[in-house]
């Protein structure tokens, strides 16, 4: 186990990955830690306490930046287009047609599909 204050434990890293993947703090805490004997209020309090740790916050931010870079790189290399019944807007080369969306909207907009 890592020394306190110097590195993240495996459970803390698991919590960070779950938060970066989009889980709520309580959901991430429940996924990473044994919570069978805890009530929802305690889980929420402990998850918030854990997220206030600067090492945890920094790791989650690092994971989010890496995820954002990967999404942007993927969208630039593969080409994302709005989901339409008419595919006439797709360029002949099948690649990006100058359409640009920020990483958050690419991740969360269910109307986007990847065309190959």
PDB file of N, CA and C in Angstrom:
ATOM      1  N   UNK A   1       0.833  -1.178   0.000  1.00  0.00           N
ATOM      2  CA  UNK A   1       0.000   0.000   0.000  1.00  0.00           C
ATOM      3  C   UNK A   1       0.882   1.246   0.000  1.00  0.00           C
ATOM      4  N   UNK A   2       0.433   2.275  -0.686  1.00  0.00           N
ATOM      5  CA  UNK A   2       1.205   3.507  -0.795  1.00  0.00           C
ATOM      6  C   UNK A   2       1.185   4.281   0.518  1.00  0.00           C
ATOM      7  N   UNK A   3       2.238   5.052   0.739  1.00  0.00           N
ATOM      8  CA  UNK A   3       2.269   5.906   1.922  1.00  0.00           C
ATOM      9  C   UNK A   3       1.197   6.976   1.803  1.00  0.00           C
ATOM     10  N   UNK A   4       0.636   7.360   2.922  1.00  0.00           N
ATOM     11  CA  UNK A   4      -0.409   8.365   2.934  1.00  0.00           C
ATOM     12  C   UNK A   4       0.143   9.692   2.422  1.00  0.00           C
ATOM     13  N   UNK A   5      -0.560  10.271   1.454  1.00  0.00           N
ATOM     14  CA  UNK A   5      -0.187  11.586   0.953  1.00  0.00           C
ATOM     15  C   UNK A   5       0.813  11.581  -0.189  1.00  0.00           C
ATOM     16  N   UNK A   6       1.323  10.419  -0.588  1.00  0.00           N
ATOM     17  CA  UNK A   6       2.332  10.423  -1.649  1.00  0.00           C
ATOM     18  C   UNK A   6       1.832   9.813  -2.947  1.00  0.00           C
ATOM     19  N   UNK A   7       0.966   8.825  -2.887  1.00  0.00           N
ATOM     20  CA  UNK A   7       0.467   8.166  -4.092  1.00  0.00           C
ATOM     21  C   UNK A   7      -0.938   7.638  -3.829  1.00  0.00           C
ATOM     22  N   UNK A   8      -1.634   7.312  -4.892  1.00  0.00           N
ATOM     23  CA  UNK A   8      -2.986   6.799  -4.765  1.00  0.00           C
ATOM     24  C   UNK A   8      -2.975   5.292  -4.537  1.00  0.00           C
ATOM     25  N   UNK A   9      -3.917   4.833  -3.728  1.00  0.00           N
ATOM     26  CA  UNK A   9      -4.095   3.402  -3.528  1.00  0.00           C
ATOM     27  C   UNK A   9      -4.850   2.835  -4.731  1.00  0.00           C
ATOM     28  N   UNK A  10      -4.866   1.529  -4.901  1.00  0.00           N
ATOM     29  CA  UNK A  10      -5.651   0.946  -6.001  1.00  0.00           C
ATOM     30  C   UNK A  10      -7.139   1.324  -5.942  1.00  0.00           C
ATOM     31  N   UNK A  11      -7.709   1.373  -4.754  1.00  0.00           N
ATOM     32  CA  UNK A  11      -9.118   1.761  -4.627  1.00  0.00           C
ATOM     33  C   UNK A  11      -9.324   3.216  -5.012  1.00  0.00           C
ATOM     34  N   UNK A  12      -8.381   4.086  -4.646  1.00  0.00           N
ATOM     35  CA  UNK A  12      -8.487   5.494  -5.027  1.00  0.00           C
ATOM     36  C   UNK A  12      -8.381   5.646  -6.545  1.00  0.00           C
ATOM     37  N   UNK A  13      -7.474   4.889  -7.172  1.00  0.00           N
ATOM     38  CA  UNK A  13      -7.362   4.937  -8.633  1.00  0.00           C
ATOM     39  C   UNK A  13      -8.646   4.438  -9.294  1.00  0.00           C
ATOM     40  N   UNK A  14      -9.241   3.386  -8.732  1.00  0.00           N
ATOM     41  CA  UNK A  14     -10.511   2.863  -9.246  1.00  0.00           C
ATOM     42  C   UNK A  14     -11.589   3.946  -9.152  1.00  0.00           C
ATOM     43  N   UNK A  15     -11.665   4.616  -8.017  1.00  0.00           N
ATOM     44  CA  UNK A  15     -12.613   5.709  -7.820  1.00  0.00           C
ATOM     45  C   UNK A  15     -12.400   6.790  -8.888  1.00  0.00           C
ATOM     46  N   UNK A  16     -11.162   7.168  -9.112  1.00  0.00           N
ATOM     47  CA  UNK A  16     -10.834   8.205 -10.108  1.00  0.00           C
ATOM     48  C   UNK A  16     -11.280   7.787 -11.506  1.00  0.00           C
ATOM     49  N   UNK A  17     -11.002   6.545 -11.881  1.00  0.00           N
ATOM     50  CA  UNK A  17     -11.398   6.064 -13.210  1.00  0.00           C
ATOM     51  C   UNK A  17     -12.918   6.077 -13.362  1.00  0.00           C
ATOM     52  N   UNK A  18     -13.631   5.703 -12.316  1.00  0.00           N
ATOM     53  CA  UNK A  18     -15.095   5.696 -12.380  1.00  0.00           C
ATOM     54  C   UNK A  18     -15.644   7.114 -12.510  1.00  0.00           C
ATOM     55  N   UNK A  19     -15.078   8.065 -11.771  1.00  0.00           N
ATOM     56  CA  UNK A  19     -15.512   9.463 -11.878  1.00  0.00           C
ATOM     57  C   UNK A  19     -15.230   9.987 -13.283  1.00  0.00           C
ATOM     58  N   UNK A  20     -14.044   9.727 -13.798  1.00  0.00           N
ATOM     59  CA  UNK A  20     -13.673  10.196 -15.134  1.00  0.00           C
ATOM     60  C   UNK A  20     -14.547   9.548 -16.209  1.00  0.00           C
ATOM     61  N   UNK A  21     -15.032   8.343 -15.942  1.00  0.00           N
ATOM     62  CA  UNK A  21     -15.900   7.654 -16.899  1.00  0.00           C
ATOM     63  C   UNK A  21     -17.332   8.169 -16.861  1.00  0.00           C
ATOM     64  N   UNK A  22     -17.641   9.026 -15.882  1.00  0.00           N
ATOM     65  CA  UNK A  22     -18.958   9.646 -15.837  1.00  0.00           C
ATOM     66  C   UNK A  22     -19.842   9.234 -14.683  1.00  0.00           C
ATOM     67  N   UNK A  23     -19.352   8.395 -13.794  1.00  0.00           N
ATOM     68  CA  UNK A  23     -20.153   8.006 -12.627  1.00  0.00           C
ATOM     69  C   UNK A  23     -20.314   9.191 -11.679  1.00  0.00           C
ATOM     70  N   UNK A  24     -21.385   9.166 -10.911  1.00  0.00           N
ATOM     71  CA  UNK A  24     -21.527  10.152  -9.845  1.00  0.00           C
ATOM     72  C   UNK A  24     -20.468   9.853  -8.792  1.00  0.00           C
ATOM     73  N   UNK A  25     -20.216  10.788  -7.909  1.00  0.00           N
ATOM     74  CA  UNK A  25     -19.244  10.540  -6.847  1.00  0.00           C
ATOM     75  C   UNK A  25     -19.678   9.355  -5.988  1.00  0.00           C
ATOM     76  N   UNK A  26     -20.959   9.316  -5.636  1.00  0.00           N
ATOM     77  CA  UNK A  26     -21.465   8.197  -4.830  1.00  0.00           C
ATOM     78  C   UNK A  26     -21.365   6.884  -5.587  1.00  0.00           C
ATOM     79  N   UNK A  27     -21.695   6.901  -6.855  1.00  0.00           N
ATOM     80  CA  UNK A  27     -21.600   5.692  -7.672  1.00  0.00           C
ATOM     81  C   UNK A  27     -20.170   5.207  -7.799  1.00  0.00           C
ATOM     82  N   UNK A  28     -19.249   6.134  -7.999  1.00  0.00           N
ATOM     83  CA  UNK A  28     -17.834   5.775  -8.107  1.00  0.00           C
ATOM     84  C   UNK A  28     -17.323   5.218  -6.788  1.00  0.00           C
ATOM     85  N   UNK A  29     -17.741   5.823  -5.682  1.00  0.00           N
ATOM     86  CA  UNK A  29     -17.307   5.349  -4.367  1.00  0.00           C
ATOM     87  C   UNK A  29     -17.833   3.930  -4.122  1.00  0.00           C
ATOM     88  N   UNK A  30     -19.100   3.696  -4.465  1.00  0.00           N
ATOM     89  CA  UNK A  30     -19.711   2.377  -4.290  1.00  0.00           C
ATOM     90  C   UNK A  30     -19.008   1.333  -5.146  1.00  0.00           C
ATOM     91  N   UNK A  31     -18.579   1.736  -6.338  1.00  0.00           N
ATOM     92  CA  UNK A  31     -17.880   0.808  -7.229  1.00  0.00           C
ATOM     93  C   UNK A  31     -16.486   0.457  -6.707  1.00  0.00           C
ATOM     94  N   UNK A  32     -15.819   1.427  -6.108  1.00  0.00           N
ATOM     95  CA  UNK A  32     -14.425   1.228  -5.698  1.00  0.00           C
ATOM     96  C   UNK A  32     -14.274   0.674  -4.282  1.00  0.00           C
ATOM     97  N   UNK A  33     -15.230   0.937  -3.425  1.00  0.00           N
ATOM     98  CA  UNK A  33     -15.107   0.565  -2.011  1.00  0.00           C
ATOM     99  C   UNK A  33     -16.248  -0.346  -1.580  1.00  0.00           C
ATOM    100  N   UNK A  34     -16.057  -1.042  -0.483  1.00  0.00           N
ATOM    101  CA  UNK A  34     -17.092  -1.874   0.101  1.00  0.00           C
ATOM    102  C   UNK A  34     -18.064  -0.960   0.861  1.00  0.00           C
ATOM    103  N   UNK A  35     -19.297  -0.919   0.398  1.00  0.00           N
ATOM    104  CA  UNK A  35     -20.269   0.000   1.003  1.00  0.00           C
ATOM    105  C   UNK A  35     -21.522  -0.718   1.500  1.00  0.00           C
ATOM    106  N   UNK A  36     -21.474  -2.026   1.612  1.00  0.00           N
ATOM    107  CA  UNK A  36     -22.678  -2.782   1.969  1.00  0.00           C
ATOM    108  C   UNK A  36     -23.247  -2.387   3.330  1.00  0.00           C
ATOM    109  N   UNK A  37     -22.419  -1.892   4.217  1.00  0.00           N
ATOM    110  CA  UNK A  37     -22.897  -1.507   5.554  1.00  0.00           C
ATOM    111  C   UNK A  37     -23.033   0.006   5.721  1.00  0.00           C
ATOM    112  N   UNK A  38     -22.982   0.726   4.609  1.00  0.00           N
ATOM    113  CA  UNK A  38     -23.067   2.184   4.670  1.00  0.00           C
ATOM    114  C   UNK A  38     -24.415   2.638   4.119  1.00  0.00           C
ATOM    115  N   UNK A  39     -24.973   3.698   4.705  1.00  0.00           N
ATOM    116  CA  UNK A  39     -26.189   4.253   4.130  1.00  0.00           C
ATOM    117  C   UNK A  39     -25.811   5.282   3.056  1.00  0.00           C
ATOM    118  N   UNK A  40     -26.791   5.717   2.277  1.00  0.00           N
ATOM    119  CA  UNK A  40     -26.535   6.622   1.142  1.00  0.00           C
ATOM    120  C   UNK A  40     -25.895   7.935   1.581  1.00  0.00           C
ATOM    121  N   UNK A  41     -26.312   8.454   2.703  1.00  0.00           N
ATOM    122  CA  UNK A  41     -25.753   9.711   3.195  1.00  0.00           C
ATOM    123  C   UNK A  41     -24.267   9.552   3.503  1.00  0.00           C
ATOM    124  N   UNK A  42     -23.897   8.468   4.132  1.00  0.00           N
ATOM    125  CA  UNK A  42     -22.492   8.209   4.467  1.00  0.00           C
ATOM    126  C   UNK A  42     -21.663   8.027   3.210  1.00  0.00           C
ATOM    127  N   UNK A  43     -22.205   7.290   2.239  1.00  0.00           N
ATOM    128  CA  UNK A  43     -21.496   7.094   0.980  1.00  0.00           C
ATOM    129  C   UNK A  43     -21.244   8.433   0.304  1.00  0.00           C
ATOM    130  N   UNK A  44     -22.259   9.276   0.257  1.00  0.00           N
ATOM    131  CA  UNK A  44     -22.116  10.602  -0.355  1.00  0.00           C
ATOM    132  C   UNK A  44     -21.082  11.457   0.361  1.00  0.00           C
ATOM    133  N   UNK A  45     -21.124  11.427   1.692  1.00  0.00           N
ATOM    134  CA  UNK A  45     -20.166  12.209   2.487  1.00  0.00           C
ATOM    135  C   UNK A  45     -18.739  11.720   2.246  1.00  0.00           C
ATOM    136  N   UNK A  46     -18.542  10.402   2.256  1.00  0.00           N
ATOM    137  CA  UNK A  46     -17.206   9.840   2.051  1.00  0.00           C
ATOM    138  C   UNK A  46     -16.703  10.082   0.628  1.00  0.00           C
ATOM    139  N   UNK A  47     -17.601  10.000  -0.348  1.00  0.00           N
ATOM    140  CA  UNK A  47     -17.210  10.270  -1.737  1.00  0.00           C
ATOM    141  C   UNK A  47     -16.783  11.730  -1.906  1.00  0.00           C
ATOM    142  N   UNK A  48     -17.518  12.629  -1.286  1.00  0.00           N
ATOM    143  CA  UNK A  48     -17.175  14.055  -1.349  1.00  0.00           C
ATOM    144  C   UNK A  48     -15.854  14.317  -0.640  1.00  0.00           C
ATOM    145  N   UNK A  49     -15.661  13.679   0.504  1.00  0.00           N
ATOM    146  CA  UNK A  49     -14.402  13.824   1.238  1.00  0.00           C
ATOM    147  C   UNK A  49     -13.237  13.322   0.391  1.00  0.00           C
ATOM    148  N   UNK A  50     -13.430  12.181  -0.235  1.00  0.00           N
ATOM    149  CA  UNK A  50     -12.375  11.616  -1.072  1.00  0.00           C
ATOM    150  C   UNK A  50     -12.060  12.538  -2.247  1.00  0.00           C
ATOM    151  N   UNK A  51     -13.088  13.109  -2.855  1.00  0.00           N
ATOM    152  CA  UNK A  51     -12.881  13.984  -4.003  1.00  0.00           C
ATOM    153  C   UNK A  51     -12.212  15.298  -3.601  1.00  0.00           C
ATOM    154  N   UNK A  52     -12.255  15.649  -2.323  1.00  0.00           N
ATOM    155  CA  UNK A  52     -11.588  16.880  -1.873  1.00  0.00           C
ATOM    156  C   UNK A  52     -10.082  16.677  -1.693  1.00  0.00           C
ATOM    157  N   UNK A  53      -9.621  15.443  -1.783  1.00  0.00           N
ATOM    158  CA  UNK A  53      -8.195  15.146  -1.704  1.00  0.00           C
ATOM    159  C   UNK A  53      -7.528  15.666  -2.981  1.00  0.00           C
ATOM    160  N   UNK A  54      -6.525  16.552  -2.868  1.00  0.00           N
ATOM    161  CA  UNK A  54      -5.877  17.123  -4.064  1.00  0.00           C
ATOM    162  C   UNK A  54      -5.273  16.072  -4.996  1.00  0.00           C
ATOM    163  N   UNK A  55      -4.790  14.967  -4.449  1.00  0.00           N
ATOM    164  CA  UNK A  55      -4.242  13.913  -5.308  1.00  0.00           C
ATOM    165  C   UNK A  55      -5.345  13.274  -6.162  1.00  0.00           C
ATOM    166  N   UNK A  56      -6.502  13.085  -5.572  1.00  0.00           N
ATOM    167  CA  UNK A  56      -7.648  12.513  -6.290  1.00  0.00           C
ATOM    168  C   UNK A  56      -8.114  13.485  -7.366  1.00  0.00           C
ATOM    169  N   UNK A  57      -8.297  14.734  -6.992  1.00  0.00           N
ATOM    170  CA  UNK A  57      -8.761  15.746  -7.944  1.00  0.00           C
ATOM    171  C   UNK A  57      -7.814  15.863  -9.130  1.00  0.00           C
ATOM    172  N   UNK A  58      -6.521  15.889  -8.853  1.00  0.00           N
ATOM    173  CA  UNK A  58      -5.521  15.998  -9.916  1.00  0.00           C
ATOM    174  C   UNK A  58      -5.579  14.782 -10.837  1.00  0.00           C
ATOM    175  N   UNK A  59      -5.724  13.593 -10.267  1.00  0.00           N
ATOM    176  CA  UNK A  59      -5.760  12.384 -11.091  1.00  0.00           C
ATOM    177  C   UNK A  59      -7.015  12.351 -11.969  1.00  0.00           C
ATOM    178  N   UNK A  60      -8.158  12.734 -11.421  1.00  0.00           N
ATOM    179  CA  UNK A  60      -9.397  12.780 -12.211  1.00  0.00           C
ATOM    180  C   UNK A  60      -9.254  13.790 -13.347  1.00  0.00           C
ATOM    181  N   UNK A  61      -8.687  14.960 -13.062  1.00  0.00           N
ATOM    182  CA  UNK A  61      -8.474  15.965 -14.109  1.00  0.00           C
ATOM    183  C   UNK A  61      -7.540  15.440 -15.190  1.00  0.00           C
ATOM    184  N   UNK A  62      -6.488  14.722 -14.798  1.00  0.00           N
ATOM    185  CA  UNK A  62      -5.549  14.143 -15.759  1.00  0.00           C
ATOM    186  C   UNK A  62      -6.263  13.123 -16.642  1.00  0.00           C
ATOM    187  N   UNK A  63      -7.077  12.269 -16.036  1.00  0.00           N
ATOM    188  CA  UNK A  63      -7.828  11.277 -16.809  1.00  0.00           C
ATOM    189  C   UNK A  63      -8.810  11.942 -17.773  1.00  0.00           C
ATOM    190  N   UNK A  64      -9.476  12.997 -17.314  1.00  0.00           N
ATOM    191  CA  UNK A  64     -10.421  13.711 -18.176  1.00  0.00           C
ATOM    192  C   UNK A  64      -9.710  14.380 -19.353  1.00  0.00           C
ATOM    193  N   UNK A  65      -8.550  14.981 -19.106  1.00  0.00           N
ATOM    194  CA  UNK A  65      -7.790  15.603 -20.199  1.00  0.00           C
ATOM    195  C   UNK A  65      -7.360  14.549 -21.218  1.00  0.00           C
ATOM    196  N   UNK A  66      -6.902  13.403 -20.737  1.00  0.00           N
ATOM    197  CA  UNK A  66      -6.489  12.329 -21.642  1.00  0.00           C
ATOM    198  C   UNK A  66      -7.681  11.827 -22.459  1.00  0.00           C
ATOM    199  N   UNK A  67      -8.829  11.695 -21.805  1.00  0.00           N
ATOM    200  CA  UNK A  67     -10.041  11.246 -22.488  1.00  0.00           C
ATOM    201  C   UNK A  67     -10.454  12.262 -23.549  1.00  0.00           C
ATOM    202  N   UNK A  68     -10.419  13.550 -23.208  1.00  0.00           N
ATOM    203  CA  UNK A  68     -10.774  14.599 -24.159  1.00  0.00           C
ATOM    204  C   UNK A  68      -9.841  14.600 -25.362  1.00  0.00           C
ATOM    205  N   UNK A  69      -8.540  14.438 -25.115  1.00  0.00           N
ATOM    206  CA  UNK A  69      -7.578  14.390 -26.227  1.00  0.00           C
ATOM    207  C   UNK A  69      -7.857  13.198 -27.129  1.00  0.00           C
ATOM    208  N   UNK A  70      -8.194  12.059 -26.538  1.00  0.00           N
ATOM    209  CA  UNK A  70      -8.476  10.862 -27.331  1.00  0.00           C
ATOM    210  C   UNK A  70      -9.731  11.040 -28.175  1.00  0.00           C
ATOM    211  N   UNK A  71     -10.755  11.657 -27.606  1.00  0.00           N
ATOM    212  CA  UNK A  71     -12.002  11.877 -28.342  1.00  0.00           C
ATOM    213  C   UNK A  71     -11.759  12.837 -29.500  1.00  0.00           C
ATOM    214  N   UNK A  72     -11.030  13.897 -29.244  1.00  0.00           N
ATOM    215  CA  UNK A  72     -10.747  14.869 -30.299  1.00  0.00           C
ATOM    216  C   UNK A  72      -9.904  14.233 -31.397  1.00  0.00           C
ATOM    217  N   UNK A  73      -8.879  13.506 -31.025  1.00  0.00           N
ATOM    218  CA  UNK A  73      -8.029  12.850 -32.021  1.00  0.00           C
ATOM    219  C   UNK A  73      -8.832  11.860 -32.848  1.00  0.00           C
ATOM    220  N   UNK A  74      -9.697  11.117 -32.208  1.00  0.00           N
ATOM    221  CA  UNK A  74     -10.522  10.143 -32.912  1.00  0.00           C
ATOM    222  C   UNK A  74     -11.475  10.834 -33.875  1.00  0.00           C
ATOM    223  N   UNK A  75     -12.085  11.933 -33.435  1.00  0.00           N
ATOM    224  CA  UNK A  75     -13.032  12.636 -34.293  1.00  0.00           C
ATOM    225  C   UNK A  75     -12.324  13.258 -35.494  1.00  0.00           C
ATOM    226  N   UNK A  76     -11.093  13.691 -35.314  1.00  0.00           N
ATOM    227  CA  UNK A  76     -10.349  14.271 -36.424  1.00  0.00           C
ATOM    228  C   UNK A  76      -9.907  13.216 -37.425  1.00  0.00           C
ATOM    229  N   UNK A  77      -9.549  12.040 -36.936  1.00  0.00           N
ATOM    230  CA  UNK A  77      -9.053  10.999 -37.844  1.00  0.00           C
ATOM    231  C   UNK A  77     -10.177  10.180 -38.473  1.00  0.00           C
ATOM    232  N   UNK A  78     -11.301  10.016 -37.779  1.00  0.00           N
ATOM    233  CA  UNK A  78     -12.371   9.159 -38.283  1.00  0.00           C
ATOM    234  C   UNK A  78     -13.512   9.930 -38.942  1.00  0.00           C
ATOM    235  N   UNK A  79     -13.759  11.140 -38.518  1.00  0.00           N
ATOM    236  CA  UNK A  79     -14.845  11.942 -39.072  1.00  0.00           C
ATOM    237  C   UNK A  79     -16.174  11.635 -38.415  1.00  0.00           C
ATOM    238  N   UNK A  80     -16.740  12.585 -37.692  1.00  0.00           N
ATOM    239  CA  UNK A  80     -18.051  12.451 -37.089  1.00  0.00           C
ATOM    240  C   UNK A  80     -19.024  13.306 -37.874  1.00  0.00           C
ATOM    241  N   UNK A  81     -20.197  12.771 -38.098  1.00  0.00           N
ATOM    242  CA  UNK A  81     -21.218  13.471 -38.850  1.00  0.00           C
ATOM    243  C   UNK A  81     -22.540  13.341 -38.126  1.00  0.00           C
ATOM    244  N   UNK A  82     -23.414  14.353 -38.276  1.00  0.00           N
ATOM    245  CA  UNK A  82     -24.737  14.232 -37.658  1.00  0.00           C
ATOM    246  C   UNK A  82     -25.469  13.035 -38.241  1.00  0.00           C
ATOM    247  N   UNK A  83     -26.245  12.370 -37.419  1.00  0.00           N
ATOM    248  CA  UNK A  83     -27.018  11.220 -37.865  1.00  0.00           C
ATOM    249  C   UNK A  83     -28.191  11.731 -38.690  1.00  0.00           C
ATOM    250  N   UNK A  84     -28.156  11.461 -39.964  1.00  0.00           N
ATOM    251  CA  UNK A  84     -29.223  11.899 -40.862  1.00  0.00           C
ATOM    252  C   UNK A  84     -29.635  10.695 -41.705  1.00  0.00           C
ATOM    253  N   UNK A  85     -30.898  10.676 -42.129  1.00  0.00           N
ATOM    254  CA  UNK A  85     -31.330   9.607 -43.019  1.00  0.00           C
ATOM    255  C   UNK A  85     -30.716   9.798 -44.399  1.00  0.00           C
ATOM    256  N   UNK A  86     -30.411  11.025 -44.738  1.00  0.00           N
ATOM    257  CA  UNK A  86     -29.795  11.342 -46.020  1.00  0.00           C
ATOM    258  C   UNK A  86     -28.298  11.501 -45.808  1.00  0.00           C
ATOM    259  N   UNK A  87     -27.480  10.678 -46.454  1.00  0.00           N
ATOM    260  CA  UNK A  87     -26.034  10.737 -46.254  1.00  0.00           C
ATOM    261  C   UNK A  87     -25.350  11.610 -47.288  1.00  0.00           C
ATOM    262  N   UNK A  88     -26.114  12.468 -47.965  1.00  0.00           N
ATOM    263  CA  UNK A  88     -25.532  13.295 -49.012  1.00  0.00           C
ATOM    264  C   UNK A  88     -24.542  14.321 -48.472  1.00  0.00           C
ATOM    265  N   UNK A  89     -24.577  14.599 -47.168  1.00  0.00           N
ATOM    266  CA  UNK A  89     -23.646  15.569 -46.596  1.00  0.00           C
ATOM    267  C   UNK A  89     -22.278  14.978 -46.314  1.00  0.00           C
ATOM    268  N   UNK A  90     -22.152  13.679 -46.440  1.00  0.00           N
ATOM    269  CA  UNK A  90     -20.869  13.027 -46.192  1.00  0.00           C
ATOM    270  C   UNK A  90     -19.933  13.282 -47.374  1.00  0.00           C
ATOM    271  N   UNK A  91     -18.706  13.779 -47.136  1.00  0.00           N
ATOM    272  CA  UNK A  91     -17.790  14.025 -48.233  1.00  0.00           C
ATOM    273  C   UNK A  91     -17.433  12.731 -48.962  1.00  0.00           C
ATOM    274  N   UNK A  92     -17.063  12.866 -50.233  1.00  0.00           N
ATOM    275  CA  UNK A  92     -16.733  11.700 -51.040  1.00  0.00           C
ATOM    276  C   UNK A  92     -15.591  10.883 -50.453  1.00  0.00           C
ATOM    277  N   UNK A  93     -14.614  11.549 -49.832  1.00  0.00           N
ATOM    278  CA  UNK A  93     -13.470  10.814 -49.294  1.00  0.00           C
ATOM    279  C   UNK A  93     -13.803  10.110 -47.979  1.00  0.00           C
ATOM    280  N   UNK A  94     -15.007  10.322 -47.434  1.00  0.00           N
ATOM    281  CA  UNK A  94     -15.422   9.644 -46.220  1.00  0.00           C
ATOM    282  C   UNK A  94     -14.734  10.153 -44.963  1.00  0.00           C
ATOM    283  N   UNK A  95     -13.990  11.227 -45.063  1.00  0.00           N
ATOM    284  CA  UNK A  95     -13.252  11.762 -43.911  1.00  0.00           C
ATOM    285  C   UNK A  95     -13.929  13.046 -43.455  1.00  0.00           C
ATOM    286  N   UNK A  96     -13.287  13.725 -42.514  1.00  0.00           N
ATOM    287  CA  UNK A  96     -13.847  14.947 -41.951  1.00  0.00           C
ATOM    288  C   UNK A  96     -14.148  15.986 -43.005  1.00  0.00           C
ATOM    289  N   UNK A  97     -15.308  16.594 -42.903  1.00  0.00           N
ATOM    290  CA  UNK A  97     -15.713  17.606 -43.865  1.00  0.00           C
ATOM    291  C   UNK A  97     -15.703  18.989 -43.256  1.00  0.00           C
ATOM    292  N   UNK A  98     -14.817  19.233 -42.324  1.00  0.00           N
ATOM    293  CA  UNK A  98     -14.743  20.544 -41.707  1.00  0.00           C
ATOM    294  C   UNK A  98     -15.717  20.721 -40.565  1.00  0.00           C
ATOM    295  N   UNK A  99     -16.458  19.688 -40.238  1.00  0.00           N
ATOM    296  CA  UNK A  99     -17.410  19.753 -39.144  1.00  0.00           C
ATOM    297  C   UNK A  99     -16.660  19.642 -37.837  1.00  0.00           C
ATOM    298  N   UNK A 100     -16.855  20.597 -36.963  1.00  0.00           N
ATOM    299  CA  UNK A 100     -16.104  20.594 -35.711  1.00  0.00           C
ATOM    300  C   UNK A 100     -17.070  20.726 -34.548  1.00  0.00           C
ATOM    301  N   UNK A 101     -16.941  19.847 -33.589  1.00  0.00           N
ATOM    302  CA  UNK A 101     -17.710  19.905 -32.356  1.00  0.00           C
ATOM    303  C   UNK A 101     -16.722  19.798 -31.213  1.00  0.00           C
ATOM    304  N   UNK A 102     -17.061  20.398 -30.087  1.00  0.00           N
ATOM    305  CA  UNK A 102     -16.146  20.221 -28.960  1.00  0.00           C
ATOM    306  C   UNK A 102     -16.277  18.805 -28.413  1.00  0.00           C
ATOM    307  N   UNK A 103     -15.273  18.379 -27.658  1.00  0.00           N
ATOM    308  CA  UNK A 103     -15.203  16.995 -27.192  1.00  0.00           C
ATOM    309  C   UNK A 103     -16.423  16.616 -26.364  1.00  0.00           C
ATOM    310  N   UNK A 104     -16.938  17.531 -25.567  1.00  0.00           N
ATOM    311  CA  UNK A 104     -18.073  17.204 -24.713  1.00  0.00           C
ATOM    312  C   UNK A 104     -19.300  16.876 -25.545  1.00  0.00           C
ATOM    313  N   UNK A 105     -19.579  17.665 -26.593  1.00  0.00           N
ATOM    314  CA  UNK A 105     -20.766  17.393 -27.381  1.00  0.00           C
ATOM    315  C   UNK A 105     -20.598  16.125 -28.200  1.00  0.00           C
ATOM    316  N   UNK A 106     -19.381  15.798 -28.598  1.00  0.00           N
ATOM    317  CA  UNK A 106     -19.153  14.550 -29.321  1.00  0.00           C
ATOM    318  C   UNK A 106     -19.447  13.376 -28.400  1.00  0.00           C
ATOM    319  N   UNK A 107     -19.037  13.478 -27.141  1.00  0.00           N
ATOM    320  CA  UNK A 107     -19.247  12.388 -26.209  1.00  0.00           C
ATOM    321  C   UNK A 107     -20.701  12.246 -25.796  1.00  0.00           C
ATOM    322  N   UNK A 108     -21.425  13.344 -25.658  1.00  0.00           N
ATOM    323  CA  UNK A 108     -22.733  13.276 -25.041  1.00  0.00           C
ATOM    324  C   UNK A 108     -23.886  13.365 -26.027  1.00  0.00           C
ATOM    325  N   UNK A 109     -23.671  13.794 -27.256  1.00  0.00           N
ATOM    326  CA  UNK A 109     -24.758  13.956 -28.193  1.00  0.00           C
ATOM    327  C   UNK A 109     -25.074  12.620 -28.843  1.00  0.00           C
ATOM    328  N   UNK A 110     -26.254  12.075 -28.544  1.00  0.00           N
ATOM    329  CA  UNK A 110     -26.611  10.753 -29.057  1.00  0.00           C
ATOM    330  C   UNK A 110     -26.941  10.779 -30.541  1.00  0.00           C
ATOM    331  N   UNK A 111     -27.035  11.954 -31.150  1.00  0.00           N
ATOM    332  CA  UNK A 111     -27.330  12.042 -32.571  1.00  0.00           C
ATOM    333  C   UNK A 111     -26.089  11.934 -33.438  1.00  0.00           C
ATOM    334  N   UNK A 112     -24.949  11.694 -32.846  1.00  0.00           N
ATOM    335  CA  UNK A 112     -23.726  11.572 -33.620  1.00  0.00           C
ATOM    336  C   UNK A 112     -23.409  10.110 -33.833  1.00  0.00           C
ATOM    337  N   UNK A 113     -23.013   9.787 -35.048  1.00  0.00           N
ATOM    338  CA  UNK A 113     -22.601   8.425 -35.362  1.00  0.00           C
ATOM    339  C   UNK A 113     -21.314   8.488 -36.159  1.00  0.00           C
ATOM    340  N   UNK A 114     -20.534   7.474 -36.030  1.00  0.00           N
ATOM    341  CA  UNK A 114     -19.262   7.378 -36.739  1.00  0.00           C
ATOM    342  C   UNK A 114     -19.505   6.649 -38.060  1.00  0.00           C
ATOM    343  N   UNK A 115     -19.111   7.291 -39.154  1.00  0.00           N
ATOM    344  CA  UNK A 115     -19.207   6.664 -40.475  1.00  0.00           C
ATOM    345  C   UNK A 115     -17.829   6.254 -40.919  1.00  0.00           C
ATOM    346  N   UNK A 116     -17.710   5.087 -41.506  1.00  0.00           N
ATOM    347  CA  UNK A 116     -16.398   4.657 -41.989  1.00  0.00           C
ATOM    348  C   UNK A 116     -16.389   4.566 -43.502  1.00  0.00           C
TER     349      UNK A 116
END
